[in-house]
N, C-alpha and C. Protein backbone atom coordinates (compact mmCIF):
# COMPACT_ATOMS: atom_id res chain seq x y z
N MET A 1 -10.97 143.17 102.97
CA MET A 1 -11.43 144.12 103.22
C MET A 1 -13.10 145.15 103.31
N MET A 2 -12.99 146.03 104.49
CA MET A 2 -14.45 146.27 104.69
C MET A 2 -14.81 147.66 104.12
N LEU A 3 -16.27 147.18 103.44
CA LEU A 3 -16.06 148.72 102.65
C LEU A 3 -17.31 149.49 103.02
N ASP A 4 -18.07 148.49 103.89
CA ASP A 4 -19.38 149.69 104.53
C ASP A 4 -19.84 149.15 105.56
N GLU A 5 -18.92 149.71 106.89
CA GLU A 5 -19.01 149.40 107.86
C GLU A 5 -20.65 149.52 109.26
N THR A 6 -21.17 149.90 108.02
CA THR A 6 -22.71 150.11 108.52
C THR A 6 -23.18 148.74 108.65
N LEU A 7 -22.51 147.89 107.83
CA LEU A 7 -23.48 146.27 108.17
C LEU A 7 -22.88 145.64 109.05
N LEU A 8 -22.12 146.33 109.97
CA LEU A 8 -21.97 145.93 111.52
C LEU A 8 -22.21 146.52 112.69
N TRP A 9 -23.58 146.61 112.66
CA TRP A 9 -24.00 147.59 113.70
C TRP A 9 -23.92 146.59 115.03
N ARG A 10 -24.01 147.48 116.38
CA ARG A 10 -23.40 146.73 117.53
C ARG A 10 -24.91 146.26 118.26
N SER A 11 -24.83 145.30 119.46
CA SER A 11 -25.79 145.49 120.34
C SER A 11 -25.65 146.72 121.28
N ARG A 12 -26.73 146.84 122.09
CA ARG A 12 -27.04 147.49 123.18
C ARG A 12 -26.07 147.31 124.57
N PRO A 13 -25.29 148.10 125.44
CA PRO A 13 -25.00 147.41 126.14
C PRO A 13 -25.95 146.96 127.10
N LEU A 14 -25.15 146.12 127.63
CA LEU A 14 -26.07 144.99 128.71
C LEU A 14 -25.92 145.80 130.54
N THR A 15 -25.49 146.79 130.45
CA THR A 15 -25.56 147.66 131.92
C THR A 15 -25.40 149.01 131.27
N PRO A 16 -25.74 150.11 132.29
CA PRO A 16 -25.67 151.18 131.75
C PRO A 16 -24.20 151.97 132.30
N TYR A 17 -24.38 153.28 131.73
CA TYR A 17 -23.09 153.94 131.51
C TYR A 17 -22.94 154.35 132.72
N VAL A 18 -21.93 154.58 133.47
CA VAL A 18 -21.53 154.95 135.04
C VAL A 18 -20.50 156.13 134.44
N PRO A 19 -20.84 157.21 135.01
CA PRO A 19 -19.73 158.52 134.77
C PRO A 19 -18.56 157.97 135.32
N THR A 20 -16.70 158.24 135.11
CA THR A 20 -15.82 157.84 135.58
C THR A 20 -14.95 158.99 136.39
N GLY A 21 -16.05 160.20 135.98
CA GLY A 21 -15.11 161.24 136.64
C GLY A 21 -14.04 161.78 136.10
N LYS A 22 -13.56 160.88 135.11
CA LYS A 22 -12.09 161.06 134.57
C LYS A 22 -12.37 162.59 133.46
N VAL A 23 -11.63 163.54 133.31
CA VAL A 23 -11.42 164.58 132.25
C VAL A 23 -10.57 164.47 131.34
N LEU A 24 -10.63 164.91 130.03
CA LEU A 24 -9.74 164.84 129.17
C LEU A 24 -9.63 166.08 128.83
N SER A 25 -8.81 167.11 129.14
CA SER A 25 -8.80 168.67 128.88
C SER A 25 -7.92 168.64 127.47
N VAL A 26 -8.74 169.58 126.59
CA VAL A 26 -8.21 169.72 125.28
C VAL A 26 -7.90 171.41 125.14
N PRO A 27 -7.19 171.70 124.48
CA PRO A 27 -6.65 173.32 124.05
C PRO A 27 -7.91 173.34 122.61
N SER A 28 -8.25 174.19 122.84
CA SER A 28 -9.54 174.43 121.42
C SER A 28 -8.89 174.64 120.09
N ALA A 29 -8.10 174.59 120.19
CA ALA A 29 -6.88 175.00 118.83
C ALA A 29 -6.77 173.29 118.08
N ALA A 30 -6.62 172.36 119.28
CA ALA A 30 -6.83 170.55 118.68
C ALA A 30 -8.35 170.55 118.59
N LEU A 31 -9.63 171.07 118.57
CA LEU A 31 -10.51 170.87 117.92
C LEU A 31 -10.35 171.35 116.72
N ALA A 32 -9.89 173.00 116.48
CA ALA A 32 -9.93 173.65 115.26
C ALA A 32 -9.09 172.56 114.28
N THR A 33 -7.99 172.38 114.59
CA THR A 33 -7.28 171.81 113.49
C THR A 33 -7.40 170.27 113.30
N THR A 34 -8.41 169.19 114.02
CA THR A 34 -9.15 168.41 113.77
C THR A 34 -9.99 168.71 112.88
N ILE A 35 -10.87 169.48 112.89
CA ILE A 35 -12.01 169.56 112.18
C ILE A 35 -11.59 170.10 110.68
N ALA A 36 -10.47 170.47 110.44
CA ALA A 36 -9.67 171.39 109.56
C ALA A 36 -9.21 169.71 108.67
N LYS A 37 -8.56 168.98 109.70
CA LYS A 37 -8.07 167.43 108.75
C LYS A 37 -9.04 166.99 108.46
N LEU A 38 -10.21 166.32 109.21
CA LEU A 38 -11.29 165.61 108.59
C LEU A 38 -11.97 166.20 107.23
N ARG A 39 -12.16 167.66 107.26
CA ARG A 39 -13.16 168.40 106.29
C ARG A 39 -12.02 168.17 104.77
N ARG A 40 -10.61 168.48 105.27
CA ARG A 40 -9.72 168.08 103.90
C ARG A 40 -9.55 167.28 103.57
N THR A 41 -10.25 166.01 103.94
CA THR A 41 -9.79 164.49 103.27
C THR A 41 -10.90 163.98 102.28
N GLY A 42 -11.82 165.09 102.59
CA GLY A 42 -13.20 164.79 101.01
C GLY A 42 -14.35 164.28 101.57
N ALA A 43 -15.33 163.55 100.94
CA ALA A 43 -16.46 162.71 101.28
C ALA A 43 -15.92 161.48 101.49
N VAL A 44 -15.03 160.93 102.47
CA VAL A 44 -14.78 159.80 103.01
C VAL A 44 -13.97 159.90 104.45
N GLU A 45 -14.63 158.62 104.76
CA GLU A 45 -14.48 158.74 106.59
C GLU A 45 -12.64 158.79 106.55
N ALA A 46 -12.52 160.00 107.86
CA ALA A 46 -11.00 160.19 108.14
C ALA A 46 -10.96 159.97 109.61
N SER A 47 -9.48 159.66 109.63
CA SER A 47 -9.07 159.62 111.19
C SER A 47 -8.01 160.61 111.79
N CYS A 48 -7.80 161.05 113.03
CA CYS A 48 -6.98 161.52 113.36
C CYS A 48 -6.50 161.21 115.35
N LEU A 49 -5.55 161.53 115.51
CA LEU A 49 -5.46 161.10 117.04
C LEU A 49 -4.88 162.32 117.89
N TRP A 50 -5.28 162.41 119.06
CA TRP A 50 -5.04 163.10 119.96
C TRP A 50 -4.09 162.60 120.95
N LEU A 51 -2.87 163.14 121.09
CA LEU A 51 -1.94 162.52 121.93
C LEU A 51 -1.67 163.86 123.00
N GLY A 52 -0.92 162.87 124.11
CA GLY A 52 -0.81 163.64 125.31
C GLY A 52 -0.58 162.75 126.50
N SER A 53 -0.76 163.53 127.49
CA SER A 53 -0.32 162.11 128.71
C SER A 53 -1.75 162.13 129.49
N LEU A 54 -1.53 161.06 130.07
CA LEU A 54 -2.60 160.67 131.44
C LEU A 54 -1.67 160.25 132.85
N ASP A 55 -2.68 161.17 133.59
CA ASP A 55 -2.46 160.58 134.83
C ASP A 55 -2.91 159.37 135.26
N LYS A 56 -2.41 159.14 136.86
CA LYS A 56 -2.75 157.86 137.32
C LYS A 56 -4.29 157.58 137.61
N ASP A 57 -4.70 158.58 137.30
CA ASP A 57 -6.70 158.53 137.61
C ASP A 57 -6.97 158.26 136.34
N GLY A 58 -6.18 158.67 135.33
CA GLY A 58 -6.84 158.51 133.97
C GLY A 58 -7.23 160.01 133.30
N ASN A 59 -6.88 160.52 133.94
CA ASN A 59 -7.38 162.40 133.42
C ASN A 59 -6.10 162.34 132.17
N GLY A 60 -6.58 162.95 131.22
CA GLY A 60 -5.74 163.30 130.18
C GLY A 60 -5.61 165.00 129.75
N GLN A 61 -4.72 165.18 129.32
CA GLN A 61 -4.25 166.44 128.99
C GLN A 61 -3.47 166.20 127.32
N VAL A 62 -4.28 167.14 126.11
CA VAL A 62 -3.91 166.71 124.75
C VAL A 62 -2.84 167.47 124.76
N ALA A 63 -2.13 167.21 123.78
CA ALA A 63 -0.69 168.10 123.48
C ALA A 63 -0.62 168.43 122.07
N ALA A 64 -1.14 166.95 121.37
CA ALA A 64 -0.61 167.41 119.64
C ALA A 64 -2.20 166.79 119.21
N VAL A 65 -1.87 167.07 118.02
CA VAL A 65 -2.84 165.82 116.74
C VAL A 65 -2.19 165.57 115.68
N ALA A 66 -2.20 164.44 115.85
CA ALA A 66 -1.57 163.30 114.69
C ALA A 66 -2.39 162.78 113.40
N VAL A 67 -2.17 162.79 112.41
CA VAL A 67 -2.84 162.18 111.41
C VAL A 67 -2.00 161.26 110.51
N PRO A 68 -2.44 159.88 110.56
CA PRO A 68 -1.67 159.04 110.35
C PRO A 68 -1.95 158.65 108.75
N LYS A 69 -1.13 158.31 108.54
CA LYS A 69 -1.37 157.93 106.74
C LYS A 69 -2.49 156.88 107.13
N GLN A 70 -3.59 156.59 105.93
CA GLN A 70 -4.58 155.58 106.32
C GLN A 70 -5.38 156.13 104.97
N PHE A 71 -6.07 154.42 104.83
CA PHE A 71 -7.08 154.34 103.88
C PHE A 71 -8.03 155.14 104.02
N ASN A 72 -8.72 155.94 102.78
CA ASN A 72 -10.18 156.41 103.45
C ASN A 72 -10.90 155.96 102.29
N ARG A 73 -12.46 155.62 102.86
CA ARG A 73 -13.25 155.41 101.81
C ARG A 73 -14.54 156.23 102.21
N PRO A 74 -15.94 155.93 101.48
CA PRO A 74 -16.89 156.59 102.46
C PRO A 74 -17.78 156.40 103.09
N ARG A 75 -17.40 154.89 103.52
CA ARG A 75 -18.21 154.39 104.28
C ARG A 75 -17.10 153.82 105.49
N ASN A 76 -15.62 153.83 105.55
CA ASN A 76 -14.86 153.60 106.57
C ASN A 76 -13.54 154.03 106.17
N TYR A 77 -12.69 153.87 107.12
CA TYR A 77 -10.95 154.00 107.29
C TYR A 77 -10.43 153.09 107.53
N ALA A 78 -9.03 152.85 107.47
CA ALA A 78 -8.19 152.05 108.04
C ALA A 78 -6.93 152.58 108.11
N VAL A 79 -6.44 152.51 109.09
CA VAL A 79 -4.77 153.01 109.39
C VAL A 79 -4.23 151.87 109.45
N PRO A 80 -2.77 151.56 108.65
CA PRO A 80 -2.02 150.23 108.54
C PRO A 80 -1.08 150.29 109.84
N GLY A 81 -1.27 149.38 109.96
CA GLY A 81 0.04 148.85 111.52
C GLY A 81 1.33 149.68 111.21
N GLU A 82 1.83 149.78 110.25
CA GLU A 82 3.17 150.59 109.96
C GLU A 82 2.91 152.31 110.22
N ALA A 83 1.79 152.84 109.77
CA ALA A 83 1.25 154.00 110.27
C ALA A 83 0.89 154.29 111.80
N MET A 84 0.82 153.73 112.22
CA MET A 84 0.67 153.39 113.94
C MET A 84 1.96 153.40 114.48
N VAL A 85 2.82 152.64 113.71
CA VAL A 85 4.30 152.59 114.39
C VAL A 85 4.62 154.06 114.31
N GLU A 86 4.20 154.83 113.34
CA GLU A 86 5.21 156.01 113.39
C GLU A 86 4.50 157.20 114.00
N VAL A 87 3.26 156.84 113.97
CA VAL A 87 2.74 157.90 115.36
C VAL A 87 3.35 157.16 116.94
N SER A 88 3.52 156.20 117.05
CA SER A 88 3.68 155.25 118.40
C SER A 88 5.10 156.05 118.46
N ALA A 89 5.86 156.19 117.38
CA ALA A 89 7.39 156.85 117.54
C ALA A 89 7.31 158.32 118.32
N LEU A 90 6.69 159.16 117.72
CA LEU A 90 6.36 160.31 117.86
C LEU A 90 6.17 160.12 119.10
N ALA A 91 5.02 159.49 119.41
CA ALA A 91 4.19 159.87 121.00
C ALA A 91 5.70 159.20 121.89
N ARG A 92 5.82 158.25 121.79
CA ARG A 92 7.35 157.79 122.82
C ARG A 92 8.52 159.00 123.00
N SER A 93 8.62 159.38 121.91
CA SER A 93 10.08 160.58 122.06
C SER A 93 9.24 162.10 122.71
N ARG A 94 8.45 161.97 122.68
CA ARG A 94 7.56 163.03 123.35
C ARG A 94 6.87 163.07 125.15
N GLY A 95 7.20 161.38 125.09
CA GLY A 95 5.96 160.90 126.33
C GLY A 95 4.87 160.79 126.27
N TRP A 96 4.10 160.79 125.56
CA TRP A 96 2.87 160.89 124.78
C TRP A 96 2.20 159.44 124.79
N THR A 97 0.88 159.61 124.76
CA THR A 97 0.08 158.35 124.75
C THR A 97 -0.93 158.71 123.79
N VAL A 98 -1.79 158.17 123.46
CA VAL A 98 -3.32 158.00 122.65
C VAL A 98 -4.04 158.60 123.77
N VAL A 99 -4.67 159.32 123.72
CA VAL A 99 -5.81 160.02 124.77
C VAL A 99 -6.88 160.42 124.27
N ALA A 100 -7.33 160.57 123.03
CA ALA A 100 -8.34 160.63 122.19
C ALA A 100 -8.17 160.04 120.42
N ALA A 101 -9.11 159.35 120.24
CA ALA A 101 -8.87 158.44 118.56
C ALA A 101 -10.40 159.11 117.88
N ILE A 102 -10.13 159.81 116.72
CA ILE A 102 -11.52 160.63 116.25
C ILE A 102 -11.34 160.12 114.93
N HIS A 103 -12.79 160.14 114.41
CA HIS A 103 -13.24 159.84 112.96
C HIS A 103 -13.97 160.31 112.50
N SER A 104 -14.38 160.55 111.49
CA SER A 104 -15.36 161.23 110.74
C SER A 104 -16.96 159.76 110.20
N HIS A 105 -17.77 160.01 109.94
CA HIS A 105 -18.99 159.45 109.58
C HIS A 105 -19.64 160.12 108.67
N PRO A 106 -20.44 159.46 107.70
CA PRO A 106 -20.68 159.95 106.42
C PRO A 106 -22.13 161.02 106.59
N GLY A 107 -22.78 160.32 107.58
CA GLY A 107 -24.02 160.84 107.64
C GLY A 107 -23.98 161.50 109.31
N ALA A 108 -25.50 161.72 110.08
CA ALA A 108 -25.82 161.97 110.85
C ALA A 108 -25.42 161.23 112.44
N SER A 109 -25.57 159.69 112.18
CA SER A 109 -24.86 158.96 112.85
C SER A 109 -23.79 159.12 113.53
N VAL A 110 -23.23 158.80 114.80
CA VAL A 110 -22.42 159.03 115.05
C VAL A 110 -22.08 157.95 116.18
N GLU A 111 -22.83 156.78 116.49
CA GLU A 111 -22.59 155.61 117.64
C GLU A 111 -21.63 155.09 116.53
N HIS A 112 -20.90 154.51 117.63
CA HIS A 112 -19.46 153.16 117.38
C HIS A 112 -20.67 151.78 116.07
N SER A 113 -19.78 151.24 115.59
CA SER A 113 -20.22 150.14 114.82
C SER A 113 -19.05 148.76 115.44
N VAL A 114 -19.59 147.56 115.11
CA VAL A 114 -18.05 146.85 115.53
C VAL A 114 -17.10 147.16 115.51
N TYR A 115 -16.75 147.58 113.85
CA TYR A 115 -15.74 148.13 112.85
C TYR A 115 -15.09 149.16 114.05
N ASP A 116 -15.81 150.33 114.14
CA ASP A 116 -15.55 151.22 115.17
C ASP A 116 -14.83 150.73 116.33
N ASP A 117 -15.43 149.76 117.22
CA ASP A 117 -14.88 149.44 118.41
C ASP A 117 -13.36 148.91 117.82
N GLU A 118 -13.27 148.05 117.27
CA GLU A 118 -12.17 147.26 116.95
C GLU A 118 -10.98 148.63 116.54
N MET A 119 -11.58 149.49 115.79
CA MET A 119 -10.02 150.67 114.63
C MET A 119 -10.04 151.56 116.09
N THR A 120 -10.65 151.33 117.17
CA THR A 120 -10.11 152.84 117.99
C THR A 120 -8.80 151.88 119.25
N PRO A 121 -7.74 152.35 118.66
CA PRO A 121 -6.42 152.03 119.40
C PRO A 121 -6.20 151.83 120.62
N SER A 122 -7.21 152.83 121.39
CA SER A 122 -6.57 152.41 122.74
C SER A 122 -7.82 152.35 123.84
N ARG A 123 -8.05 151.51 124.66
CA ARG A 123 -9.21 151.69 125.30
C ARG A 123 -9.41 152.23 126.63
N ARG A 124 -7.99 153.15 126.71
CA ARG A 124 -7.90 154.38 127.62
C ARG A 124 -8.34 155.52 127.39
N ALA A 125 -8.43 155.74 125.83
CA ALA A 125 -8.77 157.02 125.19
C ALA A 125 -10.16 157.16 124.81
N VAL A 126 -10.29 158.13 124.91
CA VAL A 126 -11.80 158.72 124.41
C VAL A 126 -12.00 158.40 122.78
N SER A 127 -13.28 157.79 122.33
CA SER A 127 -13.71 157.98 120.81
C SER A 127 -14.39 158.86 120.70
N ILE A 128 -14.16 159.71 119.72
CA ILE A 128 -14.93 160.97 119.11
C ILE A 128 -15.36 160.63 117.64
N VAL A 129 -16.49 160.76 117.04
CA VAL A 129 -17.21 160.75 116.09
C VAL A 129 -17.92 161.76 115.80
N PHE A 130 -17.67 162.42 114.39
CA PHE A 130 -17.91 163.57 113.81
C PHE A 130 -18.74 163.27 112.63
N PRO A 131 -20.04 163.83 112.77
CA PRO A 131 -20.77 163.56 111.47
C PRO A 131 -20.20 164.36 110.23
N TYR A 132 -21.13 163.92 109.01
CA TYR A 132 -20.77 164.50 107.74
C TYR A 132 -19.45 164.79 107.51
N TYR A 133 -18.52 163.69 107.43
CA TYR A 133 -17.14 163.93 107.03
C TYR A 133 -16.37 165.16 107.63
N GLY A 134 -17.06 165.58 108.93
CA GLY A 134 -16.23 166.57 109.48
C GLY A 134 -16.72 167.79 109.35
N HIS A 135 -17.69 168.30 108.71
CA HIS A 135 -18.51 169.14 108.22
C HIS A 135 -19.64 169.70 109.53
N TRP A 136 -18.99 169.79 111.06
CA TRP A 136 -20.06 169.92 111.77
C TRP A 136 -19.34 171.46 112.57
N SER A 137 -20.33 171.83 113.04
CA SER A 137 -20.00 173.17 113.93
C SER A 137 -20.55 173.08 115.26
N GLY A 138 -20.13 173.78 116.29
CA GLY A 138 -20.60 173.48 117.84
C GLY A 138 -21.81 173.68 117.89
N PRO A 139 -22.34 173.87 118.98
CA PRO A 139 -21.48 174.07 120.63
C PRO A 139 -21.10 172.38 120.75
N TRP A 140 -20.00 172.45 121.07
CA TRP A 140 -19.83 171.21 121.68
C TRP A 140 -20.24 170.67 122.90
N PRO A 141 -20.63 169.65 122.66
CA PRO A 141 -20.87 168.20 121.67
C PRO A 141 -21.86 167.81 121.14
N SER A 142 -23.09 169.00 120.77
CA SER A 142 -23.84 168.41 120.23
C SER A 142 -23.85 168.08 119.27
N GLY A 143 -24.43 166.85 118.51
CA GLY A 143 -24.43 166.39 117.11
C GLY A 143 -23.03 165.35 116.81
N LEU A 144 -22.15 165.12 118.20
CA LEU A 144 -20.77 164.59 118.06
C LEU A 144 -21.45 163.27 118.97
N GLY A 145 -20.50 162.21 118.44
CA GLY A 145 -20.26 161.13 119.58
C GLY A 145 -19.31 160.61 120.19
N VAL A 146 -19.25 161.00 121.62
CA VAL A 146 -18.14 161.02 122.35
C VAL A 146 -18.67 159.59 123.04
N HIS A 147 -17.29 158.89 122.80
CA HIS A 147 -17.56 157.29 123.42
C HIS A 147 -16.32 157.19 124.45
N GLU A 148 -16.69 156.54 125.53
CA GLU A 148 -15.83 155.95 126.53
C GLU A 148 -15.76 154.26 126.65
N TYR A 149 -14.83 153.60 127.05
CA TYR A 149 -15.05 152.47 127.10
C TYR A 149 -14.57 151.82 128.57
N MET A 150 -15.91 150.99 128.90
CA MET A 150 -16.08 150.52 130.19
C MET A 150 -16.54 149.13 130.14
N ARG A 151 -16.13 148.19 130.99
CA ARG A 151 -16.97 146.74 131.11
C ARG A 151 -17.13 146.24 129.33
N LYS A 152 -16.11 146.29 128.89
CA LYS A 152 -16.13 145.71 127.39
C LYS A 152 -16.78 146.27 126.37
N TYR A 153 -17.36 147.43 126.92
CA TYR A 153 -18.36 148.06 125.82
C TYR A 153 -17.92 149.80 125.77
N TRP A 154 -17.86 150.17 124.38
CA TRP A 154 -17.67 151.64 123.96
C TRP A 154 -19.69 152.32 124.13
N TYR A 155 -19.30 152.94 124.78
CA TYR A 155 -20.68 153.83 125.44
C TYR A 155 -20.64 155.08 124.66
N LEU A 156 -21.71 155.64 124.25
CA LEU A 156 -21.85 156.51 123.91
C LEU A 156 -22.66 157.90 124.69
N LEU A 157 -22.10 158.57 125.06
CA LEU A 157 -22.01 159.65 126.19
C LEU A 157 -23.18 160.56 125.76
N SER A 158 -23.99 160.62 126.70
CA SER A 158 -25.01 161.74 126.90
C SER A 158 -24.48 163.14 126.26
N GLU A 159 -24.76 164.07 125.92
CA GLU A 159 -24.28 165.53 125.87
C GLU A 159 -23.56 165.64 127.11
N ARG A 160 -24.77 166.11 127.90
CA ARG A 160 -24.05 166.32 129.57
C ARG A 160 -22.93 165.65 130.09
N GLU A 161 -22.60 164.03 129.93
CA GLU A 161 -21.70 163.22 130.22
C GLU A 161 -20.43 163.57 129.17
N ALA A 162 -20.89 163.89 128.25
CA ALA A 162 -19.58 164.18 127.00
C ALA A 162 -18.67 165.93 128.04
N GLN A 163 -19.82 166.79 128.18
CA GLN A 163 -19.38 167.95 128.50
C GLN A 163 -18.51 167.95 129.67
N LEU A 164 -19.20 166.80 130.24
CA LEU A 164 -17.93 166.53 131.59
C LEU A 164 -16.82 165.60 131.40
N ARG A 165 -16.88 164.62 130.11
CA ARG A 165 -15.83 163.90 130.08
C ARG A 165 -14.56 164.42 129.35
N VAL A 166 -15.06 165.61 128.20
CA VAL A 166 -13.91 166.17 127.66
C VAL A 166 -14.28 168.11 127.60
N ARG A 167 -12.96 168.53 128.27
CA ARG A 167 -13.43 170.18 128.74
C ARG A 167 -12.44 170.97 127.71
N PHE A 168 -13.00 172.11 127.02
CA PHE A 168 -11.87 172.57 126.38
C PHE A 168 -11.56 173.99 127.09
N PHE A 169 -10.34 174.66 126.79
CA PHE A 169 -9.54 175.67 127.14
C PHE A 169 -8.87 176.39 126.07
N GLU A 170 -8.51 177.73 126.45
CA GLU A 170 -7.88 178.54 125.66
C GLU A 170 -6.52 178.46 125.88
N ASN A 171 -5.70 178.85 124.71
CA ASN A 171 -3.99 179.47 125.05
C ASN A 171 -3.22 178.91 125.14
N LEU A 172 -3.20 177.51 124.90
CA LEU A 172 -2.37 176.43 124.89
C LEU A 172 -1.65 175.87 123.53
N PRO A 173 -0.63 176.39 123.33
CA PRO A 173 -0.76 175.75 121.60
C PRO A 173 -0.10 174.17 121.77
N ILE A 174 -0.68 173.39 120.43
CA ILE A 174 -0.60 172.32 119.99
C ILE A 174 0.81 171.95 119.25
N TYR A 175 0.81 171.16 119.14
CA TYR A 175 1.87 170.39 118.00
C TYR A 175 0.66 169.68 116.83
N VAL A 176 1.24 170.07 115.87
CA VAL A 176 0.24 168.96 114.74
C VAL A 176 1.44 168.03 113.92
N ALA A 177 1.29 166.92 113.82
CA ALA A 177 1.91 165.77 112.86
C ALA A 177 1.15 165.45 111.59
N ASP A 178 1.08 165.81 110.53
CA ASP A 178 -0.15 165.01 109.38
C ASP A 178 1.39 163.90 108.98
N PHE A 179 0.99 162.79 108.93
CA PHE A 179 1.99 161.76 108.23
C PHE A 179 1.37 161.65 106.81
N ARG A 180 0.45 162.03 106.47
CA ARG A 180 -0.19 161.40 105.50
C ARG A 180 0.61 162.26 104.13
């Protein structure tokens, strides 16, 4: 059992990030719900997933926030396999997939560790890291870590790249499933 993921720093990418042109469209309510769920967990790392659809080009649309059962510790979290089965059953029943994996870190660092690379459930999803156990406030994406997988590496995007990759809009309801 890993108690401190900061022991698992990873190497820098061998090649620079090249924007894919993919866009993840997110209702603003999903961001507000996610922040509330991360904060509610307290002074431990926590995780949630954005579920929705992906088109043939890899563009996504968030429809739900799912919070799986998980083990939360000050320096990492773990989602057991059976908890992912629950989330997968919900996603399949609605025709959704994981479009973003979100988790919190204890301090200001929002870079992935090797542990984070392994815990992100889909390489087609965006991975978003919130600092200070979710005690963050905008503007988007300042201070957040938005990561995209390519060429066998989770790239931490610049603020401008993150703004282009993940875009928010108003007035679309979301489904919330908290399995804890």
